[in-house]
Amino acid sequence: MSIATPRKRTIPAKNGKVKTVSVPVIDYPREGDTISSGHYAIRLSANAPQGLEISMNDGPWQKCRHAVGHFWFDWVNPSKGRHTIVARTAALSGRPQKSLPRTCEVI
């Protein structure tokens, strides 16, 4: 089993140089996974001492909890159907860094 690790992205800095920032990764559910309604713990990886947030289907951003070396979001009673999940964190510069979108199906 492979575990996702935070991706790195370079962005322009104010001094004209570039800097590397950590981008959050959604570990679970995996792309295209089918999950049962009820409760599902979404696991995320990020180097984010200031915290991590998650959005479902372009909805409001909600805080994730940090435990056991990962970030988690307890998704309780999701509606049936296809969902798109995105995570974000604020970089040291204050610019939010977003994960790649992840889609899954709730049955």
PDB file of N, CA and C in Angstrom:
ATOM      1  N   MET A   1       0.842  -1.168   0.000  1.00  0.00           N
ATOM      2  CA  MET A   1       0.000   0.000   0.000  1.00  0.00           C
ATOM      3  C   MET A   1       0.889   1.233   0.000  1.00  0.00           C
ATOM      4  N   SER A   2       0.663   2.142  -0.936  1.00  0.00           N
ATOM      5  CA  SER A   2       1.435   3.382  -0.947  1.00  0.00           C
ATOM      6  C   SER A   2       0.646   4.457  -0.215  1.00  0.00           C
ATOM      7  N   ILE A   3       1.364   5.285   0.493  1.00  0.00           N
ATOM      8  CA  ILE A   3       0.752   6.375   1.233  1.00  0.00           C
ATOM      9  C   ILE A   3       1.196   7.674   0.592  1.00  0.00           C
ATOM     10  N   ALA A   4       0.258   8.553   0.343  1.00  0.00           N
ATOM     11  CA  ALA A   4       0.579   9.836  -0.280  1.00  0.00           C
ATOM     12  C   ALA A   4       1.343  10.712   0.703  1.00  0.00           C
ATOM     13  N   THR A   5       2.245  11.506   0.166  1.00  0.00           N
ATOM     14  CA  THR A   5       2.967  12.476   0.971  1.00  0.00           C
ATOM     15  C   THR A   5       2.719  13.850   0.383  1.00  0.00           C
ATOM     16  N   PRO A   6       2.870  14.880   1.190  1.00  0.00           N
ATOM     17  CA  PRO A   6       2.611  16.216   0.666  1.00  0.00           C
ATOM     18  C   PRO A   6       3.454  16.513  -0.563  1.00  0.00           C
ATOM     19  N   ARG A   7       2.826  17.144  -1.554  1.00  0.00           N
ATOM     20  CA  ARG A   7       3.529  17.558  -2.755  1.00  0.00           C
ATOM     21  C   ARG A   7       4.206  18.887  -2.495  1.00  0.00           C
ATOM     22  N   LYS A   8       5.174  19.207  -3.327  1.00  0.00           N
ATOM     23  CA  LYS A   8       5.854  20.494  -3.247  1.00  0.00           C
ATOM     24  C   LYS A   8       5.533  21.275  -4.506  1.00  0.00           C
ATOM     25  N   ARG A   9       5.421  22.593  -4.359  1.00  0.00           N
ATOM     26  CA  ARG A   9       5.150  23.481  -5.485  1.00  0.00           C
ATOM     27  C   ARG A   9       6.039  24.707  -5.318  1.00  0.00           C
ATOM     28  N   THR A  10       6.583  25.205  -6.424  1.00  0.00           N
ATOM     29  CA  THR A  10       7.355  26.439  -6.350  1.00  0.00           C
ATOM     30  C   THR A  10       6.465  27.590  -6.784  1.00  0.00           C
ATOM     31  N   ILE A  11       6.591  28.704  -6.061  1.00  0.00           N
ATOM     32  CA  ILE A  11       5.807  29.898  -6.375  1.00  0.00           C
ATOM     33  C   ILE A  11       6.734  31.109  -6.346  1.00  0.00           C
ATOM     34  N   PRO A  12       6.407  32.173  -7.084  1.00  0.00           N
ATOM     35  CA  PRO A  12       7.242  33.380  -7.054  1.00  0.00           C
ATOM     36  C   PRO A  12       7.200  34.032  -5.675  1.00  0.00           C
ATOM     37  N   ALA A  13       8.350  34.496  -5.223  1.00  0.00           N
ATOM     38  CA  ALA A  13       8.427  35.230  -3.959  1.00  0.00           C
ATOM     39  C   ALA A  13       8.501  36.724  -4.244  1.00  0.00           C
ATOM     40  N   LYS A  14       8.243  37.538  -3.238  1.00  0.00           N
ATOM     41  CA  LYS A  14       8.248  38.994  -3.417  1.00  0.00           C
ATOM     42  C   LYS A  14       9.615  39.532  -3.830  1.00  0.00           C
ATOM     43  N   ASN A  15      10.684  38.834  -3.463  1.00  0.00           N
ATOM     44  CA  ASN A  15      12.028  39.295  -3.780  1.00  0.00           C
ATOM     45  C   ASN A  15      12.476  38.896  -5.192  1.00  0.00           C
ATOM     46  N   GLY A  16      11.564  38.360  -5.987  1.00  0.00           N
ATOM     47  CA  GLY A  16      11.879  37.965  -7.352  1.00  0.00           C
ATOM     48  C   GLY A  16      12.378  36.535  -7.488  1.00  0.00           C
ATOM     49  N   LYS A  17      12.658  35.880  -6.377  1.00  0.00           N
ATOM     50  CA  LYS A  17      13.098  34.487  -6.398  1.00  0.00           C
ATOM     51  C   LYS A  17      11.875  33.581  -6.329  1.00  0.00           C
ATOM     52  N   VAL A  18      12.109  32.296  -6.272  1.00  0.00           N
ATOM     53  CA  VAL A  18      10.996  31.356  -6.082  1.00  0.00           C
ATOM     54  C   VAL A  18      11.181  30.657  -4.752  1.00  0.00           C
ATOM     55  N   LYS A  19      10.070  30.227  -4.174  1.00  0.00           N
ATOM     56  CA  LYS A  19      10.148  29.452  -2.944  1.00  0.00           C
ATOM     57  C   LYS A  19       9.308  28.199  -3.088  1.00  0.00           C
ATOM     58  N   THR A  20       9.636  27.198  -2.302  1.00  0.00           N
ATOM     59  CA  THR A  20       8.932  25.927  -2.344  1.00  0.00           C
ATOM     60  C   THR A  20       7.961  25.866  -1.174  1.00  0.00           C
ATOM     61  N   VAL A  21       6.712  25.492  -1.475  1.00  0.00           N
ATOM     62  CA  VAL A  21       5.692  25.359  -0.430  1.00  0.00           C
ATOM     63  C   VAL A  21       5.125  23.945  -0.471  1.00  0.00           C
ATOM     64  N   SER A  22       4.608  23.506   0.647  1.00  0.00           N
ATOM     65  CA  SER A  22       3.991  22.190   0.755  1.00  0.00           C
ATOM     66  C   SER A  22       2.517  22.289   0.378  1.00  0.00           C
ATOM     67  N   VAL A  23       2.056  21.366  -0.427  1.00  0.00           N
ATOM     68  CA  VAL A  23       0.665  21.329  -0.874  1.00  0.00           C
ATOM     69  C   VAL A  23       0.000  20.108  -0.240  1.00  0.00           C
ATOM     70  N   PRO A  24      -1.178  20.255   0.368  1.00  0.00           N
ATOM     71  CA  PRO A  24      -1.827  19.110   1.007  1.00  0.00           C
ATOM     72  C   PRO A  24      -2.244  18.038  -0.005  1.00  0.00           C
ATOM     73  N   VAL A  25      -2.295  16.805   0.495  1.00  0.00           N
ATOM     74  CA  VAL A  25      -2.690  15.652  -0.314  1.00  0.00           C
ATOM     75  C   VAL A  25      -3.809  14.911   0.408  1.00  0.00           C
ATOM     76  N   ILE A  26      -4.850  14.543  -0.321  1.00  0.00           N
ATOM     77  CA  ILE A  26      -5.929  13.721   0.233  1.00  0.00           C
ATOM     78  C   ILE A  26      -5.513  12.260   0.067  1.00  0.00           C
ATOM     79  N   ASP A  27      -5.263  11.581   1.195  1.00  0.00           N
ATOM     80  CA  ASP A  27      -4.830  10.181   1.154  1.00  0.00           C
ATOM     81  C   ASP A  27      -6.006   9.245   0.892  1.00  0.00           C
ATOM     82  N   TYR A  28      -7.067   9.429   1.676  1.00  0.00           N
ATOM     83  CA  TYR A  28      -8.263   8.594   1.578  1.00  0.00           C
ATOM     84  C   TYR A  28      -9.488   9.472   1.738  1.00  0.00           C
ATOM     85  N   PRO A  29     -10.510   9.284   0.931  1.00  0.00           N
ATOM     86  CA  PRO A  29     -10.685   8.221  -0.051  1.00  0.00           C
ATOM     87  C   PRO A  29      -9.769   8.447  -1.257  1.00  0.00           C
ATOM     88  N   ARG A  30      -9.470   7.364  -1.937  1.00  0.00           N
ATOM     89  CA  ARG A  30      -8.694   7.457  -3.167  1.00  0.00           C
ATOM     90  C   ARG A  30      -9.619   7.893  -4.297  1.00  0.00           C
ATOM     91  N   GLU A  31      -9.019   8.377  -5.376  1.00  0.00           N
ATOM     92  CA  GLU A  31      -9.794   8.831  -6.541  1.00  0.00           C
ATOM     93  C   GLU A  31     -10.721   7.719  -7.017  1.00  0.00           C
ATOM     94  N   GLY A  32     -12.024   8.051  -7.138  1.00  0.00           N
ATOM     95  CA  GLY A  32     -13.007   7.104  -7.657  1.00  0.00           C
ATOM     96  C   GLY A  32     -13.511   6.080  -6.657  1.00  0.00           C
ATOM     97  N   ASP A  33     -13.055   6.125  -5.406  1.00  0.00           N
ATOM     98  CA  ASP A  33     -13.529   5.163  -4.402  1.00  0.00           C
ATOM     99  C   ASP A  33     -15.035   5.277  -4.201  1.00  0.00           C
ATOM    100  N   THR A  34     -15.651   4.155  -3.844  1.00  0.00           N
ATOM    101  CA  THR A  34     -17.047   4.103  -3.448  1.00  0.00           C
ATOM    102  C   THR A  34     -17.068   3.869  -1.949  1.00  0.00           C
ATOM    103  N   ILE A  35     -17.782   4.729  -1.226  1.00  0.00           N
ATOM    104  CA  ILE A  35     -17.850   4.590   0.224  1.00  0.00           C
ATOM    105  C   ILE A  35     -19.314   4.522   0.661  1.00  0.00           C
ATOM    106  N   SER A  36     -19.528   3.937   1.815  1.00  0.00           N
ATOM    107  CA  SER A  36     -20.887   3.813   2.349  1.00  0.00           C
ATOM    108  C   SER A  36     -21.257   5.057   3.132  1.00  0.00           C
ATOM    109  N   SER A  37     -22.553   5.403   3.107  1.00  0.00           N
ATOM    110  CA  SER A  37     -23.014   6.543   3.901  1.00  0.00           C
ATOM    111  C   SER A  37     -22.903   6.171   5.379  1.00  0.00           C
ATOM    112  N   GLY A  38     -23.006   7.133   6.224  1.00  0.00           N
ATOM    113  CA  GLY A  38     -22.835   6.933   7.666  1.00  0.00           C
ATOM    114  C   GLY A  38     -21.696   7.816   8.138  1.00  0.00           C
ATOM    115  N   HIS A  39     -20.560   7.212   8.469  1.00  0.00           N
ATOM    116  CA  HIS A  39     -19.376   7.950   8.906  1.00  0.00           C
ATOM    117  C   HIS A  39     -18.176   7.500   8.081  1.00  0.00           C
ATOM    118  N   TYR A  40     -17.383   8.468   7.630  1.00  0.00           N
ATOM    119  CA  TYR A  40     -16.138   8.171   6.920  1.00  0.00           C
ATOM    120  C   TYR A  40     -15.094   9.179   7.392  1.00  0.00           C
ATOM    121  N   ALA A  41     -13.934   8.684   7.801  1.00  0.00           N
ATOM    122  CA  ALA A  41     -12.839   9.561   8.232  1.00  0.00           C
ATOM    123  C   ALA A  41     -11.926   9.808   7.037  1.00  0.00           C
ATOM    124  N   ILE A  42     -11.933  11.029   6.529  1.00  0.00           N
ATOM    125  CA  ILE A  42     -11.060  11.416   5.422  1.00  0.00           C
ATOM    126  C   ILE A  42      -9.681  11.676   6.003  1.00  0.00           C
ATOM    127  N   ARG A  43      -8.638  11.060   5.400  1.00  0.00           N
ATOM    128  CA  ARG A  43      -7.270  11.253   5.881  1.00  0.00           C
ATOM    129  C   ARG A  43      -6.502  12.114   4.899  1.00  0.00           C
ATOM    130  N   LEU A  44      -5.773  13.095   5.436  1.00  0.00           N
ATOM    131  CA  LEU A  44      -5.005  14.022   4.619  1.00  0.00           C
ATOM    132  C   LEU A  44      -3.581  14.126   5.150  1.00  0.00           C
ATOM    133  N   SER A  45      -2.643  14.410   4.246  1.00  0.00           N
ATOM    134  CA  SER A  45      -1.257  14.644   4.628  1.00  0.00           C
ATOM    135  C   SER A  45      -0.881  16.062   4.244  1.00  0.00           C
ATOM    136  N   ALA A  46      -0.195  16.744   5.152  1.00  0.00           N
ATOM    137  CA  ALA A  46       0.249  18.110   4.867  1.00  0.00           C
ATOM    138  C   ALA A  46       1.266  18.537   5.910  1.00  0.00           C
ATOM    139  N   ASN A  47       2.199  19.345   5.482  1.00  0.00           N
ATOM    140  CA  ASN A  47       3.093  20.023   6.410  1.00  0.00           C
ATOM    141  C   ASN A  47       2.426  21.358   6.696  1.00  0.00           C
ATOM    142  N   ALA A  48       1.549  21.373   7.680  1.00  0.00           N
ATOM    143  CA  ALA A  48       0.688  22.535   7.912  1.00  0.00           C
ATOM    144  C   ALA A  48       0.563  22.833   9.399  1.00  0.00           C
ATOM    145  N   PRO A  49       1.590  23.448   9.993  1.00  0.00           N
ATOM    146  CA  PRO A  49       1.494  23.735  11.426  1.00  0.00           C
ATOM    147  C   PRO A  49       0.339  24.665  11.779  1.00  0.00           C
ATOM    148  N   GLN A  50      -0.141  25.440  10.813  1.00  0.00           N
ATOM    149  CA  GLN A  50      -1.251  26.363  11.059  1.00  0.00           C
ATOM    150  C   GLN A  50      -2.603  25.705  10.844  1.00  0.00           C
ATOM    151  N   GLY A  51      -2.643  24.446  10.412  1.00  0.00           N
ATOM    152  CA  GLY A  51      -3.898  23.725  10.261  1.00  0.00           C
ATOM    153  C   GLY A  51      -4.294  23.497   8.813  1.00  0.00           C
ATOM    154  N   LEU A  52      -5.347  22.748   8.637  1.00  0.00           N
ATOM    155  CA  LEU A  52      -5.823  22.339   7.327  1.00  0.00           C
ATOM    156  C   LEU A  52      -7.343  22.428   7.320  1.00  0.00           C
ATOM    157  N   GLU A  53      -7.903  22.781   6.166  1.00  0.00           N
ATOM    158  CA  GLU A  53      -9.352  22.852   5.996  1.00  0.00           C
ATOM    159  C   GLU A  53      -9.751  22.019   4.784  1.00  0.00           C
ATOM    160  N   ILE A  54     -11.027  21.642   4.756  1.00  0.00           N
ATOM    161  CA  ILE A  54     -11.545  20.808   3.674  1.00  0.00           C
ATOM    162  C   ILE A  54     -12.869  21.384   3.182  1.00  0.00           C
ATOM    163  N   SER A  55     -13.119  21.222   1.886  1.00  0.00           N
ATOM    164  CA  SER A  55     -14.376  21.678   1.286  1.00  0.00           C
ATOM    165  C   SER A  55     -14.956  20.527   0.461  1.00  0.00           C
ATOM    166  N   MET A  56     -16.255  20.325   0.608  1.00  0.00           N
ATOM    167  CA  MET A  56     -16.965  19.310  -0.164  1.00  0.00           C
ATOM    168  C   MET A  56     -17.811  20.015  -1.210  1.00  0.00           C
ATOM    169  N   ASN A  57     -17.641  19.656  -2.460  1.00  0.00           N
ATOM    170  CA  ASN A  57     -18.484  20.177  -3.544  1.00  0.00           C
ATOM    171  C   ASN A  57     -18.531  21.715  -3.563  1.00  0.00           C
ATOM    172  N   ASP A  58     -17.388  22.339  -3.394  1.00  0.00           N
ATOM    173  CA  ASP A  58     -17.283  23.810  -3.386  1.00  0.00           C
ATOM    174  C   ASP A  58     -18.071  24.454  -2.256  1.00  0.00           C
ATOM    175  N   GLY A  59     -18.330  23.703  -1.189  1.00  0.00           N
ATOM    176  CA  GLY A  59     -19.043  24.235  -0.033  1.00  0.00           C
ATOM    177  C   GLY A  59     -18.108  25.002   0.890  1.00  0.00           C
ATOM    178  N   PRO A  60     -18.590  25.350   2.082  1.00  0.00           N
ATOM    179  CA  PRO A  60     -17.764  26.118   3.023  1.00  0.00           C
ATOM    180  C   PRO A  60     -16.545  25.316   3.478  1.00  0.00           C
ATOM    181  N   TRP A  61     -15.484  26.023   3.829  1.00  0.00           N
ATOM    182  CA  TRP A  61     -14.265  25.393   4.344  1.00  0.00           C
ATOM    183  C   TRP A  61     -14.486  25.019   5.796  1.00  0.00           C
ATOM    184  N   GLN A  62     -14.081  23.772   6.145  1.00  0.00           N
ATOM    185  CA  GLN A  62     -14.255  23.260   7.499  1.00  0.00           C
ATOM    186  C   GLN A  62     -12.905  22.774   8.028  1.00  0.00           C
ATOM    187  N   LYS A  63     -12.653  23.026   9.299  1.00  0.00           N
ATOM    188  CA  LYS A  63     -11.371  22.656   9.894  1.00  0.00           C
ATOM    189  C   LYS A  63     -11.233  21.147  10.047  1.00  0.00           C
ATOM    190  N   CYS A  64     -10.009  20.678   9.845  1.00  0.00           N
ATOM    191  CA  CYS A  64      -9.655  19.272  10.064  1.00  0.00           C
ATOM    192  C   CYS A  64      -8.929  19.173  11.402  1.00  0.00           C
ATOM    193  N   ARG A  65      -8.922  17.976  11.969  1.00  0.00           N
ATOM    194  CA  ARG A  65      -8.190  17.761  13.223  1.00  0.00           C
ATOM    195  C   ARG A  65      -6.872  17.055  12.905  1.00  0.00           C
ATOM    196  N   HIS A  66      -5.885  17.262  13.757  1.00  0.00           N
ATOM    197  CA  HIS A  66      -4.575  16.638  13.564  1.00  0.00           C
ATOM    198  C   HIS A  66      -4.383  15.565  14.625  1.00  0.00           C
ATOM    199  N   ALA A  67      -4.040  14.356  14.187  1.00  0.00           N
ATOM    200  CA  ALA A  67      -3.782  13.253  15.111  1.00  0.00           C
ATOM    201  C   ALA A  67      -2.976  12.180  14.389  1.00  0.00           C
ATOM    202  N   VAL A  68      -2.098  11.526  15.108  1.00  0.00           N
ATOM    203  CA  VAL A  68      -1.324  10.390  14.622  1.00  0.00           C
ATOM    204  C   VAL A  68      -0.566  10.730  13.317  1.00  0.00           C
ATOM    205  N   GLY A  69      -0.039  11.942  13.223  1.00  0.00           N
ATOM    206  CA  GLY A  69       0.781  12.329  12.084  1.00  0.00           C
ATOM    207  C   GLY A  69       0.031  12.706  10.820  1.00  0.00           C
ATOM    208  N   HIS A  70      -1.296  12.764  10.865  1.00  0.00           N
ATOM    209  CA  HIS A  70      -2.112  13.122   9.700  1.00  0.00           C
ATOM    210  C   HIS A  70      -3.200  14.098  10.129  1.00  0.00           C
ATOM    211  N   PHE A  71      -3.857  14.676   9.142  1.00  0.00           N
ATOM    212  CA  PHE A  71      -5.054  15.464   9.393  1.00  0.00           C
ATOM    213  C   PHE A  71      -6.254  14.589   9.054  1.00  0.00           C
ATOM    214  N   TRP A  72      -7.367  14.814   9.749  1.00  0.00           N
ATOM    215  CA  TRP A  72      -8.568  13.997   9.590  1.00  0.00           C
ATOM    216  C   TRP A  72      -9.790  14.898   9.544  1.00  0.00           C
ATOM    217  N   PHE A  73     -10.771  14.458   8.759  1.00  0.00           N
ATOM    218  CA  PHE A  73     -12.068  15.110   8.761  1.00  0.00           C
ATOM    219  C   PHE A  73     -13.125  14.034   8.889  1.00  0.00           C
ATOM    220  N   ASP A  74     -13.972  14.146   9.913  1.00  0.00           N
ATOM    221  CA  ASP A  74     -15.044  13.172  10.134  1.00  0.00           C
ATOM    222  C   ASP A  74     -16.247  13.579   9.301  1.00  0.00           C
ATOM    223  N   TRP A  75     -16.469  12.854   8.228  1.00  0.00           N
ATOM    224  CA  TRP A  75     -17.563  13.115   7.302  1.00  0.00           C
ATOM    225  C   TRP A  75     -18.742  12.277   7.762  1.00  0.00           C
ATOM    226  N   VAL A  76     -19.733  12.908   8.357  1.00  0.00           N
ATOM    227  CA  VAL A  76     -20.858  12.201   8.965  1.00  0.00           C
ATOM    228  C   VAL A  76     -22.101  12.351   8.089  1.00  0.00           C
ATOM    229  N   ASN A  77     -22.690  11.222   7.738  1.00  0.00           N
ATOM    230  CA  ASN A  77     -23.911  11.154   6.932  1.00  0.00           C
ATOM    231  C   ASN A  77     -23.840  11.960   5.634  1.00  0.00           C
ATOM    232  N   PRO A  78     -22.814  11.701   4.805  1.00  0.00           N
ATOM    233  CA  PRO A  78     -22.769  12.403   3.517  1.00  0.00           C
ATOM    234  C   PRO A  78     -23.942  11.970   2.643  1.00  0.00           C
ATOM    235  N   SER A  79     -24.401  12.880   1.802  1.00  0.00           N
ATOM    236  CA  SER A  79     -25.500  12.533   0.896  1.00  0.00           C
ATOM    237  C   SER A  79     -25.002  11.554  -0.159  1.00  0.00           C
ATOM    238  N   LYS A  80     -25.902  10.727  -0.642  1.00  0.00           N
ATOM    239  CA  LYS A  80     -25.541   9.762  -1.680  1.00  0.00           C
ATOM    240  C   LYS A  80     -25.249  10.501  -2.974  1.00  0.00           C
ATOM    241  N   GLY A  81     -24.333   9.942  -3.744  1.00  0.00           N
ATOM    242  CA  GLY A  81     -23.973  10.541  -5.024  1.00  0.00           C
ATOM    243  C   GLY A  81     -22.478  10.828  -5.118  1.00  0.00           C
ATOM    244  N   ARG A  82     -22.118  11.531  -6.164  1.00  0.00           N
ATOM    245  CA  ARG A  82     -20.716  11.854  -6.454  1.00  0.00           C
ATOM    246  C   ARG A  82     -20.330  13.141  -5.717  1.00  0.00           C
ATOM    247  N   HIS A  83     -19.157  13.135  -5.104  1.00  0.00           N
ATOM    248  CA  HIS A  83     -18.664  14.279  -4.343  1.00  0.00           C
ATOM    249  C   HIS A  83     -17.237  14.616  -4.765  1.00  0.00           C
ATOM    250  N   THR A  84     -16.918  15.909  -4.709  1.00  0.00           N
ATOM    251  CA  THR A  84     -15.559  16.376  -4.971  1.00  0.00           C
ATOM    252  C   THR A  84     -15.032  17.016  -3.700  1.00  0.00           C
ATOM    253  N   ILE A  85     -13.838  16.584  -3.288  1.00  0.00           N
ATOM    254  CA  ILE A  85     -13.213  17.034  -2.045  1.00  0.00           C
ATOM    255  C   ILE A  85     -11.941  17.806  -2.398  1.00  0.00           C
ATOM    256  N   VAL A  86     -11.727  18.944  -1.725  1.00  0.00           N
ATOM    257  CA  VAL A  86     -10.495  19.720  -1.881  1.00  0.00           C
ATOM    258  C   VAL A  86     -10.041  20.135  -0.492  1.00  0.00           C
ATOM    259  N   ALA A  87      -8.725  20.084  -0.253  1.00  0.00           N
ATOM    260  CA  ALA A  87      -8.153  20.533   1.021  1.00  0.00           C
ATOM    261  C   ALA A  87      -7.310  21.771   0.758  1.00  0.00           C
ATOM    262  N   ARG A  88      -7.169  22.599   1.776  1.00  0.00           N
ATOM    263  CA  ARG A  88      -6.293  23.768   1.632  1.00  0.00           C
ATOM    264  C   ARG A  88      -5.596  24.069   2.956  1.00  0.00           C
ATOM    265  N   THR A  89      -4.481  24.728   2.827  1.00  0.00           N
ATOM    266  CA  THR A  89      -3.733  25.220   3.964  1.00  0.00           C
ATOM    267  C   THR A  89      -3.170  26.579   3.605  1.00  0.00           C
ATOM    268  N   ALA A  90      -2.809  27.351   4.590  1.00  0.00           N
ATOM    269  CA  ALA A  90      -2.169  28.639   4.317  1.00  0.00           C
ATOM    270  C   ALA A  90      -0.660  28.442   4.376  1.00  0.00           C
ATOM    271  N   ALA A  91       0.036  28.881   3.354  1.00  0.00           N
ATOM    272  CA  ALA A  91       1.498  28.823   3.355  1.00  0.00           C
ATOM    273  C   ALA A  91       2.021  29.908   4.286  1.00  0.00           C
ATOM    274  N   LEU A  92       3.314  29.900   4.548  1.00  0.00           N
ATOM    275  CA  LEU A  92       3.883  30.915   5.434  1.00  0.00           C
ATOM    276  C   LEU A  92       3.627  32.312   4.895  1.00  0.00           C
ATOM    277  N   SER A  93       3.504  32.440   3.574  1.00  0.00           N
ATOM    278  CA  SER A  93       3.231  33.749   2.981  1.00  0.00           C
ATOM    279  C   SER A  93       1.772  34.148   3.161  1.00  0.00           C
ATOM    280  N   GLY A  94       0.949  33.219   3.631  1.00  0.00           N
ATOM    281  CA  GLY A  94      -0.464  33.503   3.801  1.00  0.00           C
ATOM    282  C   GLY A  94      -1.300  33.118   2.605  1.00  0.00           C
ATOM    283  N   ARG A  95      -0.688  32.684   1.522  1.00  0.00           N
ATOM    284  CA  ARG A  95      -1.445  32.242   0.345  1.00  0.00           C
ATOM    285  C   ARG A  95      -1.954  30.823   0.579  1.00  0.00           C
ATOM    286  N   PRO A  96      -3.235  30.569   0.388  1.00  0.00           N
ATOM    287  CA  PRO A  96      -3.732  29.200   0.560  1.00  0.00           C
ATOM    288  C   PRO A  96      -3.138  28.273  -0.501  1.00  0.00           C
ATOM    289  N   GLN A  97      -2.745  27.089  -0.080  1.00  0.00           N
ATOM    290  CA  GLN A  97      -2.266  26.058  -0.997  1.00  0.00           C
ATOM    291  C   GLN A  97      -3.319  24.964  -1.026  1.00  0.00           C
ATOM    292  N   LYS A  98      -3.810  24.631  -2.219  1.00  0.00           N
ATOM    293  CA  LYS A  98      -4.898  23.653  -2.349  1.00  0.00           C
ATOM    294  C   LYS A  98      -4.389  22.324  -2.878  1.00  0.00           C
ATOM    295  N   SER A  99      -5.068  21.262  -2.436  1.00  0.00           N
ATOM    296  CA  SER A  99      -4.802  19.922  -2.960  1.00  0.00           C
ATOM    297  C   SER A  99      -5.402  19.789  -4.345  1.00  0.00           C
ATOM    298  N   LEU A 100      -5.049  18.724  -5.022  1.00  0.00           N
ATOM    299  CA  LEU A 100      -5.764  18.366  -6.231  1.00  0.00           C
ATOM    300  C   LEU A 100      -7.147  17.896  -5.813  1.00  0.00           C
ATOM    301  N   PRO A 101      -8.176  18.151  -6.610  1.00  0.00           N
ATOM    302  CA  PRO A 101      -9.514  17.667  -6.232  1.00  0.00           C
ATOM    303  C   PRO A 101      -9.570  16.144  -6.243  1.00  0.00           C
ATOM    304  N   ARG A 102     -10.383  15.592  -5.361  1.00  0.00           N
ATOM    305  CA  ARG A 102     -10.556  14.144  -5.256  1.00  0.00           C
ATOM    306  C   ARG A 102     -12.042  13.865  -5.366  1.00  0.00           C
ATOM    307  N   THR A 103     -12.425  12.931  -6.233  1.00  0.00           N
ATOM    308  CA  THR A 103     -13.834  12.562  -6.351  1.00  0.00           C
ATOM    309  C   THR A 103     -14.078  11.171  -5.808  1.00  0.00           C
ATOM    310  N   CYS A 104     -15.266  10.988  -5.230  1.00  0.00           N
ATOM    311  CA  CYS A 104     -15.667   9.681  -4.725  1.00  0.00           C
ATOM    312  C   CYS A 104     -17.186   9.577  -4.848  1.00  0.00           C
ATOM    313  N   GLU A 105     -17.681   8.389  -4.682  1.00  0.00           N
ATOM    314  CA  GLU A 105     -19.114   8.107  -4.787  1.00  0.00           C
ATOM    315  C   GLU A 105     -19.599   7.559  -3.451  1.00  0.00           C
ATOM    316  N   VAL A 106     -20.665   8.159  -2.918  1.00  0.00           N
ATOM    317  CA  VAL A 106     -21.268   7.677  -1.677  1.00  0.00           C
ATOM    318  C   VAL A 106     -22.522   6.883  -2.055  1.00  0.00           C
ATOM    319  N   ILE A 107     -22.599   5.646  -1.528  1.00  0.00           N
ATOM    320  CA  ILE A 107     -23.760   4.804  -1.821  1.00  0.00           C
ATOM    321  C   ILE A 107     -24.584   4.560  -0.558  1.00  0.00           C
TER     322      ILE A 107
END
